[in-house]
Amino acid sequence: MEVIIEKNPKALGRAAGIKTAELINEVIRKNGEANVILATGASQFETLNQLIEEDVDWSKVTMFHLDEYIDLPESHPASFRKYLKERFLDKVSPLKAFHLINGETDPEAERQRLGTLINKHPIDVALVGIGENAHLAFNDPPADFDTEEPYLIVNLDADCRGQQYNEGWFDSIDEVPKQAISMSVKQILKSDTVICSAPDDRKAVAVQKAIEGDVTNLVPASILQLHSNCIYYLDEDSAKLLKKKS
């Protein structure tokens, strides 16, 4: 695990976006194509802003994403499909393929559909973030570290839903969905490289526990300590509680 600390979210995003593009291009040179996972949410704004500026042959890239609310219309500001279309897909040349999670269809059928697809596309680079409750994707604590299912139907805990409301995605806490389809922890860990972008002081406690605490499903992101090639991109605020700073 490597930890890189930048001065602020913009510098963090620039560094993470440049590194992600380098990794994707390296895989394309080696294999002729690349499979990636993109994350959403406020933590990814600057990373994606930089990534879309990089020189990547997106026609050789297949994209998956981490999670989506169940029964939330794509037109809603909090929809992750909407987020990815507006902030990424509409701003780069057409991808080889992209597989967005449809939370408005039968959840069980959708998670199985996506599981079949991702099993055919070993992931080269995954972008992830950390929730204020240290969740990884929408795997809230206590997360399932054991399931082999690529995607799960999950219940969102109060801290997770509160974060979504406080970030301004919803007008009230009652509007935040209580369930989502989420990529599983084990599926994320199958990625060759994981880039974890986690800015902001409100993530400081979760970041410290995830990086320096015990590996436990009560701190889902702590599992990244066991990944052979995980790179954390932090800013000074999110890294402020770390005992060891690189």
C-alpha atoms as a PDB file:
ATOM      1  CA  MET A   1       0.000   0.000   0.000  1.00  0.00           C
ATOM      2  CA  GLU A   2       1.299   3.431  -0.961  1.00  0.00           C
ATOM      3  CA  VAL A   3       0.048   6.693   0.549  1.00  0.00           C
ATOM      4  CA  ILE A   4       0.476   9.953  -1.346  1.00  0.00           C
ATOM      5  CA  ILE A   5      -0.480  13.212   0.386  1.00  0.00           C
ATOM      6  CA  GLU A   6      -1.179  16.326  -1.673  1.00  0.00           C
ATOM      7  CA  LYS A   7      -1.839  19.849  -0.448  1.00  0.00           C
ATOM      8  CA  ASN A   8      -5.521  20.114  -1.381  1.00  0.00           C
ATOM      9  CA  PRO A   9      -8.313  18.260  -3.246  1.00  0.00           C
ATOM     10  CA  LYS A  10      -7.399  19.780  -6.606  1.00  0.00           C
ATOM     11  CA  ALA A  11      -3.777  18.659  -6.338  1.00  0.00           C
ATOM     12  CA  LEU A  12      -4.940  15.261  -5.112  1.00  0.00           C
ATOM     13  CA  GLY A  13      -7.261  14.858  -8.081  1.00  0.00           C
ATOM     14  CA  ARG A  14      -4.612  15.948 -10.544  1.00  0.00           C
ATOM     15  CA  ALA A  15      -2.123  13.404  -9.228  1.00  0.00           C
ATOM     16  CA  ALA A  16      -4.684  10.589  -9.067  1.00  0.00           C
ATOM     17  CA  GLY A  17      -6.036  11.348 -12.549  1.00  0.00           C
ATOM     18  CA  ILE A  18      -2.582  11.427 -14.114  1.00  0.00           C
ATOM     19  CA  LYS A  19      -1.603   8.151 -12.448  1.00  0.00           C
ATOM     20  CA  THR A  20      -4.849   6.488 -13.508  1.00  0.00           C
ATOM     21  CA  ALA A  21      -4.288   7.487 -17.136  1.00  0.00           C
ATOM     22  CA  GLU A  22      -0.711   6.193 -16.994  1.00  0.00           C
ATOM     23  CA  LEU A  23      -1.907   2.829 -15.696  1.00  0.00           C
ATOM     24  CA  ILE A  24      -4.684   2.539 -18.297  1.00  0.00           C
ATOM     25  CA  ASN A  25      -2.286   3.399 -21.125  1.00  0.00           C
ATOM     26  CA  GLU A  26       0.242   0.874 -19.855  1.00  0.00           C
ATOM     27  CA  VAL A  27      -2.392  -1.880 -19.881  1.00  0.00           C
ATOM     28  CA  ILE A  28      -3.566  -0.883 -23.380  1.00  0.00           C
ATOM     29  CA  ARG A  29       0.026  -1.070 -24.655  1.00  0.00           C
ATOM     30  CA  LYS A  30       0.393  -4.504 -23.113  1.00  0.00           C
ATOM     31  CA  ASN A  31      -3.020  -6.060 -23.780  1.00  0.00           C
ATOM     32  CA  GLY A  32      -4.609  -3.923 -26.476  1.00  0.00           C
ATOM     33  CA  GLU A  33      -7.477  -2.977 -24.174  1.00  0.00           C
ATOM     34  CA  ALA A  34      -8.226  -2.140 -20.541  1.00  0.00           C
ATOM     35  CA  ASN A  35     -11.044  -2.717 -18.058  1.00  0.00           C
ATOM     36  CA  VAL A  36     -11.678  -0.085 -15.405  1.00  0.00           C
ATOM     37  CA  ILE A  37     -13.967   0.716 -12.494  1.00  0.00           C
ATOM     38  CA  LEU A  38     -14.958   4.319 -11.839  1.00  0.00           C
ATOM     39  CA  ALA A  39     -16.253   5.707  -8.577  1.00  0.00           C
ATOM     40  CA  THR A  40     -18.673   8.567  -8.014  1.00  0.00           C
ATOM     41  CA  GLY A  41     -19.449  11.060  -5.259  1.00  0.00           C
ATOM     42  CA  ALA A  42     -17.825  14.296  -4.157  1.00  0.00           C
ATOM     43  CA  SER A  43     -14.457  12.631  -3.516  1.00  0.00           C
ATOM     44  CA  GLN A  44     -14.058  11.881  -7.221  1.00  0.00           C
ATOM     45  CA  PHE A  45     -14.761  15.329  -8.691  1.00  0.00           C
ATOM     46  CA  GLU A  46     -11.152  16.411  -9.150  1.00  0.00           C
ATOM     47  CA  THR A  47      -9.849  12.967 -10.110  1.00  0.00           C
ATOM     48  CA  LEU A  48     -12.355  12.648 -12.934  1.00  0.00           C
ATOM     49  CA  ASN A  49     -11.786  16.264 -13.982  1.00  0.00           C
ATOM     50  CA  GLN A  50      -8.124  15.419 -14.520  1.00  0.00           C
ATOM     51  CA  LEU A  51      -8.743  12.023 -16.084  1.00  0.00           C
ATOM     52  CA  ILE A  52     -10.891  13.434 -18.875  1.00  0.00           C
ATOM     53  CA  GLU A  53      -8.033  15.773 -19.792  1.00  0.00           C
ATOM     54  CA  GLU A  54      -5.544  12.917 -20.214  1.00  0.00           C
ATOM     55  CA  ASP A  55      -4.571  11.337 -23.529  1.00  0.00           C
ATOM     56  CA  VAL A  56      -6.241   7.904 -23.402  1.00  0.00           C
ATOM     57  CA  ASP A  57      -7.628   5.833 -26.269  1.00  0.00           C
ATOM     58  CA  TRP A  58     -11.013   5.349 -24.685  1.00  0.00           C
ATOM     59  CA  SER A  59     -12.168   3.194 -27.609  1.00  0.00           C
ATOM     60  CA  LYS A  60     -10.082   0.432 -26.031  1.00  0.00           C
ATOM     61  CA  VAL A  61     -11.556   0.809 -22.541  1.00  0.00           C
ATOM     62  CA  THR A  62     -14.493  -1.006 -20.923  1.00  0.00           C
ATOM     63  CA  MET A  63     -15.925   0.678 -17.833  1.00  0.00           C
ATOM     64  CA  PHE A  64     -17.895  -0.583 -14.829  1.00  0.00           C
ATOM     65  CA  HIS A  65     -18.908   1.425 -11.769  1.00  0.00           C
ATOM     66  CA  LEU A  66     -19.278   0.696  -8.093  1.00  0.00           C
ATOM     67  CA  ASP A  67     -22.848   1.251  -7.019  1.00  0.00           C
ATOM     68  CA  GLU A  68     -26.265   2.754  -7.636  1.00  0.00           C
ATOM     69  CA  TYR A  69     -29.324   3.460  -5.540  1.00  0.00           C
ATOM     70  CA  ILE A  70     -32.350   1.208  -5.927  1.00  0.00           C
ATOM     71  CA  ASP A  71     -35.493   2.914  -7.256  1.00  0.00           C
ATOM     72  CA  LEU A  72     -33.850   6.308  -7.761  1.00  0.00           C
ATOM     73  CA  PRO A  73     -34.669   7.822 -11.186  1.00  0.00           C
ATOM     74  CA  GLU A  74     -31.702   8.528 -13.419  1.00  0.00           C
ATOM     75  CA  SER A  75     -32.958  12.110 -13.678  1.00  0.00           C
ATOM     76  CA  HIS A  76     -32.353  12.662  -9.942  1.00  0.00           C
ATOM     77  CA  PRO A  77     -29.232  14.737  -9.112  1.00  0.00           C
ATOM     78  CA  ALA A  78     -27.934  11.904  -6.902  1.00  0.00           C
ATOM     79  CA  SER A  79     -28.110   9.234  -9.602  1.00  0.00           C
ATOM     80  CA  PHE A  80     -24.670   7.770 -10.186  1.00  0.00           C
ATOM     81  CA  ARG A  81     -25.581   6.940 -13.781  1.00  0.00           C
ATOM     82  CA  LYS A  82     -26.380  10.608 -14.307  1.00  0.00           C
ATOM     83  CA  TYR A  83     -23.136  11.563 -12.542  1.00  0.00           C
ATOM     84  CA  LEU A  84     -20.972   9.339 -14.762  1.00  0.00           C
ATOM     85  CA  LYS A  85     -22.691  10.360 -17.969  1.00  0.00           C
ATOM     86  CA  GLU A  86     -22.384  14.078 -17.260  1.00  0.00           C
ATOM     87  CA  ARG A  87     -18.944  14.102 -15.635  1.00  0.00           C
ATOM     88  CA  PHE A  88     -17.203  11.430 -17.689  1.00  0.00           C
ATOM     89  CA  LEU A  89     -18.933   9.625 -20.541  1.00  0.00           C
ATOM     90  CA  ASP A  90     -20.196  12.794 -22.251  1.00  0.00           C
ATOM     91  CA  LYS A  91     -16.729  14.376 -22.025  1.00  0.00           C
ATOM     92  CA  VAL A  92     -14.495  11.675 -23.512  1.00  0.00           C
ATOM     93  CA  SER A  93     -14.477   9.915 -26.871  1.00  0.00           C
ATOM     94  CA  PRO A  94     -16.737   6.830 -26.990  1.00  0.00           C
ATOM     95  CA  LEU A  95     -15.619   3.883 -24.895  1.00  0.00           C
ATOM     96  CA  LYS A  96     -15.367   0.338 -26.148  1.00  0.00           C
ATOM     97  CA  ALA A  97     -18.185  -0.411 -23.715  1.00  0.00           C
ATOM     98  CA  PHE A  98     -19.633   0.824 -20.443  1.00  0.00           C
ATOM     99  CA  HIS A  99     -21.871  -1.065 -18.039  1.00  0.00           C
ATOM    100  CA  LEU A 100     -23.897   1.183 -15.761  1.00  0.00           C
ATOM    101  CA  ILE A 101     -25.957  -0.163 -12.887  1.00  0.00           C
ATOM    102  CA  ASN A 102     -29.686   0.251 -13.471  1.00  0.00           C
ATOM    103  CA  GLY A 103     -31.325   0.734 -10.091  1.00  0.00           C
ATOM    104  CA  GLU A 104     -34.767   1.103 -11.632  1.00  0.00           C
ATOM    105  CA  THR A 105     -35.120  -2.491 -12.765  1.00  0.00           C
ATOM    106  CA  ASP A 106     -35.366  -5.761 -10.818  1.00  0.00           C
ATOM    107  CA  PRO A 107     -32.385  -5.544  -8.416  1.00  0.00           C
ATOM    108  CA  GLU A 108     -31.704  -9.276  -8.265  1.00  0.00           C
ATOM    109  CA  ALA A 109     -31.728  -9.672 -12.028  1.00  0.00           C
ATOM    110  CA  GLU A 110     -29.544  -6.577 -12.413  1.00  0.00           C
ATOM    111  CA  ARG A 111     -26.882  -7.678  -9.968  1.00  0.00           C
ATOM    112  CA  GLN A 112     -26.728 -11.066 -11.661  1.00  0.00           C
ATOM    113  CA  ARG A 113     -26.463  -9.427 -15.099  1.00  0.00           C
ATOM    114  CA  LEU A 114     -23.579  -7.267 -13.972  1.00  0.00           C
ATOM    115  CA  GLY A 115     -21.877 -10.157 -12.224  1.00  0.00           C
ATOM    116  CA  THR A 116     -21.878 -12.183 -15.431  1.00  0.00           C
ATOM    117  CA  LEU A 117     -20.423  -9.237 -17.357  1.00  0.00           C
ATOM    118  CA  ILE A 118     -17.646  -8.363 -14.930  1.00  0.00           C
ATOM    119  CA  ASN A 119     -16.558 -11.984 -14.662  1.00  0.00           C
ATOM    120  CA  LYS A 120     -15.676 -11.735 -18.362  1.00  0.00           C
ATOM    121  CA  HIS A 121     -13.655  -8.529 -17.843  1.00  0.00           C
ATOM    122  CA  PRO A 122     -10.837  -8.819 -15.277  1.00  0.00           C
ATOM    123  CA  ILE A 123     -10.345  -5.313 -13.895  1.00  0.00           C
ATOM    124  CA  ASP A 124      -7.039  -3.564 -14.483  1.00  0.00           C
ATOM    125  CA  VAL A 125      -7.615  -0.293 -12.616  1.00  0.00           C
ATOM    126  CA  ALA A 126     -10.282   0.555 -10.032  1.00  0.00           C
ATOM    127  CA  LEU A 127     -11.019   4.027  -8.716  1.00  0.00           C
ATOM    128  CA  VAL A 128     -12.611   4.009  -5.277  1.00  0.00           C
ATOM    129  CA  GLY A 129     -13.244   6.360  -2.378  1.00  0.00           C
ATOM    130  CA  ILE A 130     -13.887   5.979   1.348  1.00  0.00           C
ATOM    131  CA  GLY A 131     -17.106   6.916   3.080  1.00  0.00           C
ATOM    132  CA  GLU A 132     -17.253   8.818   6.338  1.00  0.00           C
ATOM    133  CA  ASN A 133     -18.201   5.483   7.917  1.00  0.00           C
ATOM    134  CA  ALA A 134     -15.218   3.913   6.078  1.00  0.00           C
ATOM    135  CA  HIS A 135     -17.463   2.113   3.604  1.00  0.00           C
ATOM    136  CA  LEU A 136     -16.009   0.799   0.375  1.00  0.00           C
ATOM    137  CA  ALA A 137     -18.483   1.276  -2.469  1.00  0.00           C
ATOM    138  CA  PHE A 138     -21.785   0.902  -0.580  1.00  0.00           C
ATOM    139  CA  ASN A 139     -20.474  -1.897   1.620  1.00  0.00           C
ATOM    140  CA  ASP A 140     -21.321  -0.310   4.962  1.00  0.00           C
ATOM    141  CA  PRO A 141     -20.048  -1.784   8.231  1.00  0.00           C
ATOM    142  CA  PRO A 142     -20.177  -4.625   9.016  1.00  0.00           C
ATOM    143  CA  ALA A 143     -19.223  -5.361   5.400  1.00  0.00           C
ATOM    144  CA  ASP A 144     -19.313  -8.821   3.869  1.00  0.00           C
ATOM    145  CA  PHE A 145     -15.660  -9.730   3.291  1.00  0.00           C
ATOM    146  CA  ASP A 146     -16.438 -13.306   2.289  1.00  0.00           C
ATOM    147  CA  THR A 147     -19.048 -13.363  -0.466  1.00  0.00           C
ATOM    148  CA  GLU A 148     -17.837 -14.267  -3.937  1.00  0.00           C
ATOM    149  CA  GLU A 149     -20.819 -12.531  -5.564  1.00  0.00           C
ATOM    150  CA  PRO A 150     -19.536  -9.629  -7.698  1.00  0.00           C
ATOM    151  CA  TYR A 151     -22.533  -7.392  -6.928  1.00  0.00           C
ATOM    152  CA  LEU A 152     -24.821  -7.288  -3.896  1.00  0.00           C
ATOM    153  CA  ILE A 153     -28.110  -5.757  -2.823  1.00  0.00           C
ATOM    154  CA  VAL A 154     -27.161  -3.798   0.300  1.00  0.00           C
ATOM    155  CA  ASN A 155     -28.885  -1.820   3.020  1.00  0.00           C
ATOM    156  CA  LEU A 156     -27.502   1.682   3.619  1.00  0.00           C
ATOM    157  CA  ASP A 157     -26.879   2.556   7.256  1.00  0.00           C
ATOM    158  CA  ALA A 158     -27.762   5.832   8.944  1.00  0.00           C
ATOM    159  CA  ASP A 159     -24.230   7.257   8.686  1.00  0.00           C
ATOM    160  CA  CYS A 160     -24.042   6.508   4.975  1.00  0.00           C
ATOM    161  CA  ARG A 161     -27.425   8.051   4.274  1.00  0.00           C
ATOM    162  CA  GLY A 162     -26.532  11.053   6.409  1.00  0.00           C
ATOM    163  CA  GLN A 163     -23.384  11.635   4.375  1.00  0.00           C
ATOM    164  CA  GLN A 164     -25.349  11.627   1.125  1.00  0.00           C
ATOM    165  CA  TYR A 165     -27.785  14.176   2.534  1.00  0.00           C
ATOM    166  CA  ASN A 166     -25.079  16.382   4.053  1.00  0.00           C
ATOM    167  CA  GLU A 167     -23.200  16.482   0.744  1.00  0.00           C
ATOM    168  CA  GLY A 168     -26.281  18.091  -0.788  1.00  0.00           C
ATOM    169  CA  TRP A 169     -27.434  15.302  -3.089  1.00  0.00           C
ATOM    170  CA  PHE A 170     -30.890  15.159  -1.451  1.00  0.00           C
ATOM    171  CA  ASP A 171     -33.292  17.752  -0.046  1.00  0.00           C
ATOM    172  CA  SER A 172     -33.996  15.705   3.082  1.00  0.00           C
ATOM    173  CA  ILE A 173     -32.659  12.614   4.814  1.00  0.00           C
ATOM    174  CA  ASP A 174     -35.971  10.890   4.141  1.00  0.00           C
ATOM    175  CA  GLU A 175     -35.335  11.140   0.402  1.00  0.00           C
ATOM    176  CA  VAL A 176     -32.118   9.118   0.592  1.00  0.00           C
ATOM    177  CA  PRO A 177     -32.807   5.545  -0.570  1.00  0.00           C
ATOM    178  CA  LYS A 178     -32.331   2.790   1.978  1.00  0.00           C
ATOM    179  CA  GLN A 179     -30.971   0.215  -0.487  1.00  0.00           C
ATOM    180  CA  ALA A 180     -28.494   0.072  -3.338  1.00  0.00           C
ATOM    181  CA  ILE A 181     -26.776  -2.342  -5.696  1.00  0.00           C
ATOM    182  CA  SER A 182     -23.091  -2.362  -4.817  1.00  0.00           C
ATOM    183  CA  MET A 183     -19.970  -4.054  -6.091  1.00  0.00           C
ATOM    184  CA  SER A 184     -18.751  -6.447  -3.414  1.00  0.00           C
ATOM    185  CA  VAL A 185     -15.538  -6.065  -1.451  1.00  0.00           C
ATOM    186  CA  LYS A 186     -13.967  -9.186  -2.941  1.00  0.00           C
ATOM    187  CA  GLN A 187     -14.758  -8.008  -6.466  1.00  0.00           C
ATOM    188  CA  ILE A 188     -13.032  -4.681  -5.816  1.00  0.00           C
ATOM    189  CA  LEU A 189      -9.988  -6.506  -4.450  1.00  0.00           C
ATOM    190  CA  LYS A 190      -9.680  -8.510  -7.674  1.00  0.00           C
ATOM    191  CA  SER A 191      -8.597  -5.315  -9.468  1.00  0.00           C
ATOM    192  CA  ASP A 192      -4.912  -5.285 -10.427  1.00  0.00           C
ATOM    193  CA  THR A 193      -4.487  -1.717  -9.132  1.00  0.00           C
ATOM    194  CA  VAL A 194      -6.743   0.249  -6.785  1.00  0.00           C
ATOM    195  CA  ILE A 195      -6.580   4.054  -6.724  1.00  0.00           C
ATOM    196  CA  CYS A 196      -8.310   5.407  -3.614  1.00  0.00           C
ATOM    197  CA  SER A 197      -9.011   9.157  -3.606  1.00  0.00           C
ATOM    198  CA  ALA A 198     -10.125  10.485  -0.233  1.00  0.00           C
ATOM    199  CA  PRO A 199     -10.026  14.268   0.308  1.00  0.00           C
ATOM    200  CA  ASP A 200     -11.519  16.444   3.085  1.00  0.00           C
ATOM    201  CA  ASP A 201     -11.166  16.517   6.858  1.00  0.00           C
ATOM    202  CA  ARG A 202     -14.542  14.839   7.321  1.00  0.00           C
ATOM    203  CA  LYS A 203     -12.847  11.681   6.013  1.00  0.00           C
ATOM    204  CA  ALA A 204      -9.876  11.958   8.409  1.00  0.00           C
ATOM    205  CA  VAL A 205     -11.128   9.516  11.054  1.00  0.00           C
ATOM    206  CA  ALA A 206     -12.131   6.914   8.472  1.00  0.00           C
ATOM    207  CA  VAL A 207      -8.827   7.324   6.607  1.00  0.00           C
ATOM    208  CA  GLN A 208      -6.773   6.859   9.778  1.00  0.00           C
ATOM    209  CA  LYS A 209      -8.696   3.739  10.778  1.00  0.00           C
ATOM    210  CA  ALA A 210      -8.550   2.311   7.254  1.00  0.00           C
ATOM    211  CA  ILE A 211      -4.805   2.828   6.821  1.00  0.00           C
ATOM    212  CA  GLU A 212      -3.411   2.389  10.330  1.00  0.00           C
ATOM    213  CA  GLY A 213      -6.069   0.387  12.167  1.00  0.00           C
ATOM    214  CA  ASP A 214      -6.863  -3.302  12.228  1.00  0.00           C
ATOM    215  CA  VAL A 215      -8.324  -4.983   9.171  1.00  0.00           C
ATOM    216  CA  THR A 216     -11.950  -5.453  10.143  1.00  0.00           C
ATOM    217  CA  ASN A 217     -15.323  -5.478   8.431  1.00  0.00           C
ATOM    218  CA  LEU A 218     -16.347  -2.744  10.874  1.00  0.00           C
ATOM    219  CA  VAL A 219     -13.958  -0.525   8.886  1.00  0.00           C
ATOM    220  CA  PRO A 220     -14.623  -1.860   5.392  1.00  0.00           C
ATOM    221  CA  ALA A 221     -11.899   0.175   3.640  1.00  0.00           C
ATOM    222  CA  SER A 222      -9.289  -1.365   5.949  1.00  0.00           C
ATOM    223  CA  ILE A 223      -9.353  -4.415   3.658  1.00  0.00           C
ATOM    224  CA  LEU A 224      -7.312  -2.363   1.170  1.00  0.00           C
ATOM    225  CA  GLN A 225      -4.318  -2.936   3.458  1.00  0.00           C
ATOM    226  CA  LEU A 226      -4.278  -6.484   2.076  1.00  0.00           C
ATOM    227  CA  HIS A 227      -4.276  -5.447  -1.577  1.00  0.00           C
ATOM    228  CA  SER A 228      -0.921  -5.883  -3.307  1.00  0.00           C
ATOM    229  CA  ASN A 229      -1.158  -2.653  -5.290  1.00  0.00           C
ATOM    230  CA  CYS A 230      -3.328  -0.005  -3.651  1.00  0.00           C
ATOM    231  CA  ILE A 231      -2.410   3.678  -3.877  1.00  0.00           C
ATOM    232  CA  TYR A 232      -4.099   6.174  -1.546  1.00  0.00           C
ATOM    233  CA  TYR A 233      -4.339   9.797  -2.647  1.00  0.00           C
ATOM    234  CA  LEU A 234      -5.077  12.058   0.324  1.00  0.00           C
ATOM    235  CA  ASP A 235      -4.970  15.774   0.986  1.00  0.00           C
ATOM    236  CA  GLU A 236      -3.562  17.435   4.087  1.00  0.00           C
ATOM    237  CA  ASP A 237      -6.983  17.525   5.754  1.00  0.00           C
ATOM    238  CA  SER A 238      -7.896  13.871   5.217  1.00  0.00           C
ATOM    239  CA  ALA A 239      -4.376  12.777   6.261  1.00  0.00           C
ATOM    240  CA  LYS A 240      -4.181  14.911   9.392  1.00  0.00           C
ATOM    241  CA  LEU A 241      -4.731  12.054  11.859  1.00  0.00           C
ATOM    242  CA  LEU A 242      -2.205   9.655  10.334  1.00  0.00           C
ATOM    243  CA  LYS A 243       0.700   8.840  12.645  1.00  0.00           C
ATOM    244  CA  LYS A 244       3.029   8.112   9.734  1.00  0.00           C
ATOM    245  CA  LYS A 245       3.001  10.448   6.778  1.00  0.00           C
ATOM    246  CA  SER A 246       4.973   9.820   3.615  1.00  0.00           C
END
